């Protein structure tokens, strides 16, 4: 998907510096396209504030550290889903970004019927979602 995925693989200190500098807001356009959502839908799914650089992504404008962390956490979910399918299936290609976008927007029984997007307002919420994906892989998903 994006060069942003390389952010996941950076040394932690370099990743912290990159997050503090902020991800370019224009990256949101590519992310929205990859997940098959409009910008307003992506902003809602990731609970990004619908103002400043998010609402009108422009080259050179940067997201806040908090917004950048949410983008990074979202990209991690995509990586987990992609790894999950790649290790368990060798069939048809899998569109992990689109699948994660759909999954975030759909009610989930394991979350009491809430949409996973309801948990994207905090990094701890993203950890819960990442753990849920891991449970799905292990078969412990309920």
N, C-alpha and C. Protein backbone atom coordinates (compact mmCIF):
# COMPACT_ATOMS: atom_id res chain seq x y z
N UNK A 1 0.84 -1.18 0.00
CA UNK A 1 0.00 0.00 0.00
C UNK A 1 0.88 1.24 0.00
N UNK A 2 1.26 1.76 1.12
CA UNK A 2 1.99 3.00 1.20
C UNK A 2 3.41 2.79 1.70
N UNK A 3 4.24 3.78 1.47
CA UNK A 3 5.54 3.78 2.10
C UNK A 3 5.37 3.87 3.61
N UNK A 4 4.19 4.30 4.04
CA UNK A 4 3.92 4.38 5.46
C UNK A 4 4.08 3.03 6.15
N UNK A 5 3.85 1.95 5.42
CA UNK A 5 4.03 0.63 6.02
C UNK A 5 5.46 0.44 6.49
N UNK A 6 6.40 1.12 5.85
CA UNK A 6 7.79 1.07 6.28
C UNK A 6 7.95 1.67 7.67
N UNK A 7 7.05 2.56 8.04
CA UNK A 7 7.06 3.16 9.36
C UNK A 7 6.96 2.09 10.45
N UNK A 8 6.20 1.05 10.18
CA UNK A 8 6.02 -0.03 11.15
C UNK A 8 7.35 -0.73 11.42
N UNK A 9 8.18 -0.81 10.40
CA UNK A 9 9.43 -1.57 10.51
C UNK A 9 10.62 -0.73 10.97
N UNK A 10 10.41 0.56 11.17
CA UNK A 10 11.51 1.42 11.62
C UNK A 10 11.96 1.06 13.03
N UNK A 11 13.17 1.39 13.32
CA UNK A 11 13.68 1.33 14.68
C UNK A 11 12.74 2.19 15.55
N UNK A 12 12.42 1.76 16.76
CA UNK A 12 11.46 2.52 17.58
C UNK A 12 11.80 4.00 17.74
N UNK A 13 13.05 4.36 17.92
CA UNK A 13 13.40 5.77 18.08
C UNK A 13 13.13 6.56 16.79
N UNK A 14 13.44 5.96 15.65
CA UNK A 14 13.17 6.62 14.37
C UNK A 14 11.66 6.75 14.14
N UNK A 15 10.92 5.72 14.55
CA UNK A 15 9.46 5.75 14.40
C UNK A 15 8.86 6.86 15.27
N UNK A 16 9.36 6.99 16.50
CA UNK A 16 8.88 8.06 17.39
C UNK A 16 9.14 9.42 16.77
N UNK A 17 10.33 9.61 16.23
CA UNK A 17 10.66 10.89 15.60
C UNK A 17 9.75 11.16 14.40
N UNK A 18 9.48 10.13 13.60
CA UNK A 18 8.60 10.29 12.44
C UNK A 18 7.19 10.63 12.88
N UNK A 19 6.71 10.00 13.94
CA UNK A 19 5.36 10.29 14.43
C UNK A 19 5.28 11.70 15.00
N UNK A 20 6.32 12.11 15.70
CA UNK A 20 6.33 13.47 16.25
C UNK A 20 6.32 14.51 15.14
N UNK A 21 7.02 14.21 14.04
CA UNK A 21 7.03 15.14 12.90
C UNK A 21 5.68 15.15 12.20
N UNK A 22 4.94 14.06 12.31
CA UNK A 22 3.62 13.95 11.70
C UNK A 22 3.67 13.38 10.30
N UNK A 23 2.72 12.52 10.01
CA UNK A 23 2.58 11.94 8.68
C UNK A 23 1.95 13.00 7.79
N UNK A 24 2.39 13.08 6.54
CA UNK A 24 1.78 14.04 5.61
C UNK A 24 0.30 13.73 5.43
N UNK A 25 -0.52 14.74 5.53
CA UNK A 25 -1.97 14.54 5.44
C UNK A 25 -2.40 13.96 4.10
N UNK A 26 -1.65 14.20 3.06
CA UNK A 26 -2.00 13.69 1.72
C UNK A 26 -2.05 12.16 1.72
N UNK A 27 -1.34 11.53 2.66
CA UNK A 27 -1.36 10.07 2.76
C UNK A 27 -2.76 9.54 3.03
N UNK A 28 -3.61 10.36 3.63
CA UNK A 28 -4.98 9.93 3.92
C UNK A 28 -5.75 9.62 2.64
N UNK A 29 -5.45 10.33 1.57
CA UNK A 29 -6.13 10.09 0.30
C UNK A 29 -5.81 8.68 -0.19
N UNK A 30 -4.54 8.30 -0.13
CA UNK A 30 -4.14 6.97 -0.57
C UNK A 30 -4.70 5.89 0.35
N UNK A 31 -4.73 6.16 1.64
CA UNK A 31 -5.28 5.19 2.59
C UNK A 31 -6.78 5.00 2.33
N UNK A 32 -7.50 6.09 2.13
CA UNK A 32 -8.95 6.01 1.86
C UNK A 32 -9.20 5.19 0.60
N UNK A 33 -8.41 5.41 -0.42
CA UNK A 33 -8.55 4.66 -1.67
C UNK A 33 -8.28 3.18 -1.43
N UNK A 34 -7.22 2.88 -0.68
CA UNK A 34 -6.84 1.49 -0.43
C UNK A 34 -7.91 0.73 0.34
N UNK A 35 -8.61 1.41 1.25
CA UNK A 35 -9.64 0.72 2.04
C UNK A 35 -11.02 0.83 1.39
N UNK A 36 -11.10 1.51 0.27
CA UNK A 36 -12.38 1.61 -0.43
C UNK A 36 -13.39 2.49 0.29
N UNK A 37 -12.91 3.55 0.90
CA UNK A 37 -13.77 4.47 1.64
C UNK A 37 -13.54 5.89 1.17
N UNK A 38 -14.52 6.73 1.39
CA UNK A 38 -14.35 8.15 1.12
C UNK A 38 -13.54 8.77 2.27
N UNK A 39 -13.05 9.97 2.07
CA UNK A 39 -12.32 10.65 3.14
C UNK A 39 -13.18 10.81 4.39
N UNK A 40 -14.44 11.28 4.26
CA UNK A 40 -15.26 11.40 5.48
C UNK A 40 -15.45 10.05 6.19
N UNK A 41 -15.60 8.98 5.44
CA UNK A 41 -15.76 7.65 6.05
C UNK A 41 -14.48 7.24 6.78
N UNK A 42 -13.33 7.48 6.16
CA UNK A 42 -12.06 7.15 6.81
C UNK A 42 -11.87 7.96 8.08
N UNK A 43 -12.17 9.24 8.01
CA UNK A 43 -12.06 10.11 9.18
C UNK A 43 -12.95 9.59 10.31
N UNK A 44 -14.15 9.13 9.95
CA UNK A 44 -15.06 8.58 10.96
C UNK A 44 -14.54 7.25 11.51
N UNK A 45 -14.10 6.34 10.62
CA UNK A 45 -13.61 5.03 11.06
C UNK A 45 -12.44 5.15 12.02
N UNK A 46 -11.55 6.08 11.77
CA UNK A 46 -10.35 6.22 12.60
C UNK A 46 -10.51 7.30 13.66
N UNK A 47 -11.70 7.86 13.74
CA UNK A 47 -12.02 8.90 14.71
C UNK A 47 -10.97 10.01 14.72
N UNK A 48 -10.62 10.44 13.52
CA UNK A 48 -9.71 11.57 13.36
C UNK A 48 -10.56 12.84 13.40
N UNK A 49 -10.07 13.86 14.00
CA UNK A 49 -10.82 15.12 14.05
C UNK A 49 -11.07 15.60 12.63
N UNK A 50 -12.30 15.98 12.35
CA UNK A 50 -12.66 16.41 11.00
C UNK A 50 -12.35 17.90 10.81
N UNK A 51 -11.14 18.29 11.17
CA UNK A 51 -10.71 19.67 10.97
C UNK A 51 -9.22 19.71 10.67
N UNK A 52 -8.70 20.85 10.47
CA UNK A 52 -7.31 21.13 10.09
C UNK A 52 -6.80 20.22 8.99
N UNK A 53 -5.61 19.63 9.10
CA UNK A 53 -5.06 18.96 7.92
C UNK A 53 -5.84 17.72 7.48
N UNK A 54 -6.68 17.17 8.33
CA UNK A 54 -7.41 15.96 7.99
C UNK A 54 -8.52 16.23 6.99
N UNK A 55 -9.28 17.28 7.22
CA UNK A 55 -10.45 17.55 6.38
C UNK A 55 -10.07 17.89 4.94
N UNK A 56 -8.95 18.57 4.75
CA UNK A 56 -8.51 18.94 3.40
C UNK A 56 -7.04 18.58 3.26
N UNK A 57 -6.77 17.28 3.02
CA UNK A 57 -5.37 16.84 2.93
C UNK A 57 -4.61 17.56 1.80
N UNK A 58 -3.47 18.09 2.15
CA UNK A 58 -2.63 18.78 1.18
C UNK A 58 -1.19 18.34 1.34
N UNK A 59 -0.50 18.28 0.23
CA UNK A 59 0.92 17.95 0.28
C UNK A 59 1.63 19.00 1.15
N UNK A 60 2.45 18.54 2.06
CA UNK A 60 3.19 19.44 2.94
C UNK A 60 2.53 19.66 4.29
N UNK A 61 1.21 19.49 4.36
CA UNK A 61 0.51 19.61 5.65
C UNK A 61 0.70 18.31 6.41
N UNK A 62 0.93 18.40 7.69
CA UNK A 62 1.20 17.21 8.49
C UNK A 62 0.12 16.99 9.53
N UNK A 63 -0.12 15.71 9.80
CA UNK A 63 -1.05 15.33 10.85
C UNK A 63 -0.39 15.56 12.21
N UNK A 64 -1.21 15.63 13.24
CA UNK A 64 -0.66 15.73 14.59
C UNK A 64 -0.03 14.39 14.97
N UNK A 65 0.72 14.39 16.04
CA UNK A 65 1.32 13.15 16.53
C UNK A 65 0.23 12.14 16.85
N UNK A 66 -0.84 12.57 17.51
CA UNK A 66 -1.93 11.66 17.86
C UNK A 66 -2.59 11.06 16.61
N UNK A 67 -2.85 11.90 15.62
CA UNK A 67 -3.45 11.41 14.37
C UNK A 67 -2.49 10.45 13.67
N UNK A 68 -1.21 10.79 13.67
CA UNK A 68 -0.21 9.93 13.04
C UNK A 68 -0.13 8.58 13.73
N UNK A 69 -0.24 8.57 15.06
CA UNK A 69 -0.24 7.30 15.79
C UNK A 69 -1.44 6.44 15.42
N UNK A 70 -2.59 7.07 15.24
CA UNK A 70 -3.77 6.30 14.83
C UNK A 70 -3.60 5.70 13.45
N UNK A 71 -3.00 6.46 12.54
CA UNK A 71 -2.72 5.94 11.20
C UNK A 71 -1.78 4.75 11.30
N UNK A 72 -0.73 4.88 12.10
CA UNK A 72 0.22 3.78 12.28
C UNK A 72 -0.48 2.56 12.87
N UNK A 73 -1.33 2.76 13.87
CA UNK A 73 -2.06 1.64 14.47
C UNK A 73 -2.99 0.98 13.45
N UNK A 74 -3.61 1.78 12.60
CA UNK A 74 -4.47 1.25 11.55
C UNK A 74 -3.65 0.43 10.56
N UNK A 75 -2.49 0.93 10.17
CA UNK A 75 -1.63 0.19 9.25
C UNK A 75 -1.17 -1.12 9.87
N UNK A 76 -0.98 -1.13 11.18
CA UNK A 76 -0.63 -2.39 11.87
C UNK A 76 -1.77 -3.40 11.75
N UNK A 77 -3.01 -2.93 11.89
CA UNK A 77 -4.16 -3.84 11.74
C UNK A 77 -4.16 -4.45 10.34
N UNK A 78 -3.87 -3.65 9.35
CA UNK A 78 -3.82 -4.15 7.98
C UNK A 78 -2.72 -5.21 7.85
N UNK A 79 -1.56 -4.94 8.44
CA UNK A 79 -0.45 -5.90 8.41
C UNK A 79 -0.85 -7.21 9.08
N UNK A 80 -1.51 -7.12 10.23
CA UNK A 80 -1.93 -8.31 10.96
C UNK A 80 -2.91 -9.12 10.12
N UNK A 81 -3.90 -8.46 9.54
CA UNK A 81 -4.88 -9.16 8.70
C UNK A 81 -4.21 -9.79 7.49
N UNK A 82 -3.31 -9.07 6.87
CA UNK A 82 -2.61 -9.59 5.70
C UNK A 82 -1.76 -10.80 6.08
N UNK A 83 -1.02 -10.70 7.18
CA UNK A 83 -0.21 -11.83 7.65
C UNK A 83 -1.08 -13.03 8.01
N UNK A 84 -2.23 -12.74 8.62
CA UNK A 84 -3.15 -13.79 9.04
C UNK A 84 -3.59 -14.62 7.83
N UNK A 85 -3.98 -13.96 6.77
CA UNK A 85 -4.47 -14.68 5.59
C UNK A 85 -3.30 -15.34 4.85
N UNK A 86 -2.19 -14.63 4.77
CA UNK A 86 -1.04 -15.18 4.05
C UNK A 86 -0.53 -16.47 4.70
N UNK A 87 -0.60 -16.57 6.03
CA UNK A 87 -0.10 -17.78 6.70
C UNK A 87 -1.10 -18.91 6.71
N UNK A 88 -2.38 -18.61 6.47
CA UNK A 88 -3.39 -19.67 6.54
C UNK A 88 -3.98 -20.06 5.20
N UNK A 89 -3.70 -19.29 4.15
CA UNK A 89 -4.32 -19.56 2.86
C UNK A 89 -3.35 -19.29 1.73
N UNK A 90 -3.45 -20.09 0.71
CA UNK A 90 -2.62 -19.86 -0.48
C UNK A 90 -3.52 -19.76 -1.71
N UNK A 91 -4.75 -19.30 -1.47
CA UNK A 91 -5.72 -19.21 -2.56
C UNK A 91 -5.74 -17.82 -3.17
N UNK A 92 -6.89 -17.35 -3.50
CA UNK A 92 -7.07 -16.07 -4.18
C UNK A 92 -6.40 -14.92 -3.43
N UNK A 93 -6.01 -13.89 -4.15
CA UNK A 93 -5.41 -12.72 -3.50
C UNK A 93 -6.37 -12.12 -2.48
N UNK A 94 -5.80 -11.52 -1.46
CA UNK A 94 -6.57 -10.95 -0.37
C UNK A 94 -6.27 -9.46 -0.29
N UNK A 95 -7.31 -8.65 -0.26
CA UNK A 95 -7.17 -7.20 -0.18
C UNK A 95 -7.32 -6.78 1.28
N UNK A 96 -6.22 -6.86 2.03
CA UNK A 96 -6.26 -6.59 3.47
C UNK A 96 -6.75 -5.18 3.80
N UNK A 97 -6.29 -4.13 3.10
CA UNK A 97 -6.80 -2.80 3.45
C UNK A 97 -8.32 -2.69 3.33
N UNK A 98 -8.85 -3.22 2.24
CA UNK A 98 -10.31 -3.16 2.03
C UNK A 98 -11.04 -3.99 3.10
N UNK A 99 -10.51 -5.18 3.39
CA UNK A 99 -11.13 -6.04 4.39
C UNK A 99 -11.15 -5.36 5.76
N UNK A 100 -10.04 -4.75 6.16
CA UNK A 100 -9.98 -4.08 7.46
C UNK A 100 -10.95 -2.90 7.49
N UNK A 101 -11.04 -2.15 6.39
CA UNK A 101 -12.01 -1.06 6.32
C UNK A 101 -13.43 -1.54 6.52
N UNK A 102 -13.79 -2.64 5.87
CA UNK A 102 -15.13 -3.22 6.04
C UNK A 102 -15.34 -3.74 7.45
N UNK A 103 -14.31 -4.42 7.99
CA UNK A 103 -14.41 -5.00 9.33
C UNK A 103 -14.61 -3.92 10.37
N UNK A 104 -13.89 -2.81 10.25
CA UNK A 104 -14.04 -1.71 11.21
C UNK A 104 -15.47 -1.15 11.22
N UNK A 105 -16.12 -1.17 10.06
CA UNK A 105 -17.44 -0.56 9.92
C UNK A 105 -18.60 -1.49 10.26
N UNK A 106 -18.30 -2.78 10.50
CA UNK A 106 -19.37 -3.76 10.71
C UNK A 106 -19.49 -4.16 12.18
N UNK A 107 -20.71 -4.36 12.67
CA UNK A 107 -20.88 -4.84 14.04
C UNK A 107 -20.14 -6.16 14.25
N UNK A 108 -19.55 -6.31 15.42
CA UNK A 108 -18.73 -7.49 15.71
C UNK A 108 -19.25 -8.17 16.98
N UNK A 109 -19.69 -9.42 16.88
CA UNK A 109 -20.20 -10.12 18.06
C UNK A 109 -19.19 -10.17 19.21
N UNK A 110 -17.92 -10.32 18.90
CA UNK A 110 -16.89 -10.40 19.95
C UNK A 110 -16.72 -9.09 20.70
N UNK A 111 -17.27 -8.01 20.15
CA UNK A 111 -17.20 -6.70 20.80
C UNK A 111 -18.58 -6.27 21.29
N UNK A 112 -19.41 -7.26 21.58
CA UNK A 112 -20.75 -6.97 22.07
C UNK A 112 -21.64 -6.31 21.04
N UNK A 113 -21.38 -6.58 19.76
CA UNK A 113 -22.17 -6.01 18.68
C UNK A 113 -21.72 -4.63 18.26
N UNK A 114 -20.71 -4.08 18.94
CA UNK A 114 -20.19 -2.76 18.56
C UNK A 114 -19.29 -2.90 17.34
N UNK A 115 -19.18 -1.82 16.60
CA UNK A 115 -18.27 -1.79 15.46
C UNK A 115 -16.84 -1.63 15.97
N UNK A 116 -15.87 -2.33 15.39
CA UNK A 116 -14.47 -2.14 15.79
C UNK A 116 -14.04 -0.67 15.71
N UNK A 117 -14.63 0.11 14.81
CA UNK A 117 -14.29 1.53 14.70
C UNK A 117 -14.55 2.28 16.00
N UNK A 118 -15.42 1.75 16.85
CA UNK A 118 -15.70 2.41 18.13
C UNK A 118 -14.49 2.39 19.05
N UNK A 119 -13.48 1.60 18.69
CA UNK A 119 -12.30 1.46 19.54
C UNK A 119 -11.08 2.21 18.99
N UNK A 120 -11.25 2.93 17.90
CA UNK A 120 -10.11 3.57 17.25
C UNK A 120 -9.78 4.95 17.82
N UNK A 121 -10.43 5.33 18.91
CA UNK A 121 -10.15 6.64 19.49
C UNK A 121 -8.95 6.63 20.42
N UNK A 122 -8.46 5.43 20.78
CA UNK A 122 -7.28 5.34 21.64
C UNK A 122 -6.33 4.26 21.12
N UNK A 123 -5.09 4.38 21.49
CA UNK A 123 -4.12 3.35 21.10
C UNK A 123 -4.44 2.04 21.81
N UNK A 124 -4.96 2.10 23.02
CA UNK A 124 -5.36 0.88 23.73
C UNK A 124 -6.49 0.19 22.98
N UNK A 125 -7.41 0.97 22.41
CA UNK A 125 -8.47 0.40 21.59
C UNK A 125 -7.91 -0.34 20.39
N UNK A 126 -6.91 0.24 19.76
CA UNK A 126 -6.26 -0.45 18.64
C UNK A 126 -5.59 -1.74 19.10
N UNK A 127 -5.04 -1.75 20.32
CA UNK A 127 -4.44 -2.99 20.85
C UNK A 127 -5.50 -4.07 21.03
N UNK A 128 -6.68 -3.66 21.49
CA UNK A 128 -7.79 -4.61 21.64
C UNK A 128 -8.15 -5.20 20.28
N UNK A 129 -8.21 -4.36 19.26
CA UNK A 129 -8.55 -4.82 17.91
C UNK A 129 -7.47 -5.75 17.36
N UNK A 130 -6.23 -5.40 17.61
CA UNK A 130 -5.12 -6.25 17.14
C UNK A 130 -5.18 -7.62 17.83
N UNK A 131 -5.49 -7.61 19.12
CA UNK A 131 -5.63 -8.86 19.87
C UNK A 131 -6.80 -9.68 19.33
N UNK A 132 -7.88 -9.03 18.99
CA UNK A 132 -9.04 -9.72 18.44
C UNK A 132 -8.69 -10.39 17.11
N UNK A 133 -7.93 -9.69 16.28
CA UNK A 133 -7.50 -10.30 15.01
C UNK A 133 -6.62 -11.52 15.28
N UNK A 134 -5.75 -11.44 16.27
CA UNK A 134 -4.89 -12.58 16.62
C UNK A 134 -5.74 -13.76 17.11
N UNK A 135 -6.78 -13.46 17.86
CA UNK A 135 -7.68 -14.52 18.34
C UNK A 135 -8.41 -15.16 17.17
N UNK A 136 -8.76 -14.37 16.19
CA UNK A 136 -9.43 -14.93 15.00
C UNK A 136 -8.51 -15.92 14.30
N UNK A 137 -7.22 -15.59 14.24
CA UNK A 137 -6.25 -16.47 13.62
C UNK A 137 -6.10 -17.78 14.38
N UNK A 138 -6.13 -17.69 15.71
CA UNK A 138 -5.93 -18.89 16.53
C UNK A 138 -7.19 -19.71 16.64
N UNK A 139 -8.32 -19.16 16.22
CA UNK A 139 -9.59 -19.89 16.32
C UNK A 139 -10.31 -19.61 17.63
N UNK A 140 -9.76 -18.69 18.43
CA UNK A 140 -10.38 -18.36 19.72
C UNK A 140 -11.44 -17.29 19.60
N UNK A 141 -11.73 -16.86 18.38
CA UNK A 141 -12.71 -15.81 18.14
C UNK A 141 -14.12 -16.32 18.47
N UNK A 142 -14.86 -15.54 19.21
CA UNK A 142 -16.22 -15.94 19.58
C UNK A 142 -17.24 -15.01 18.98
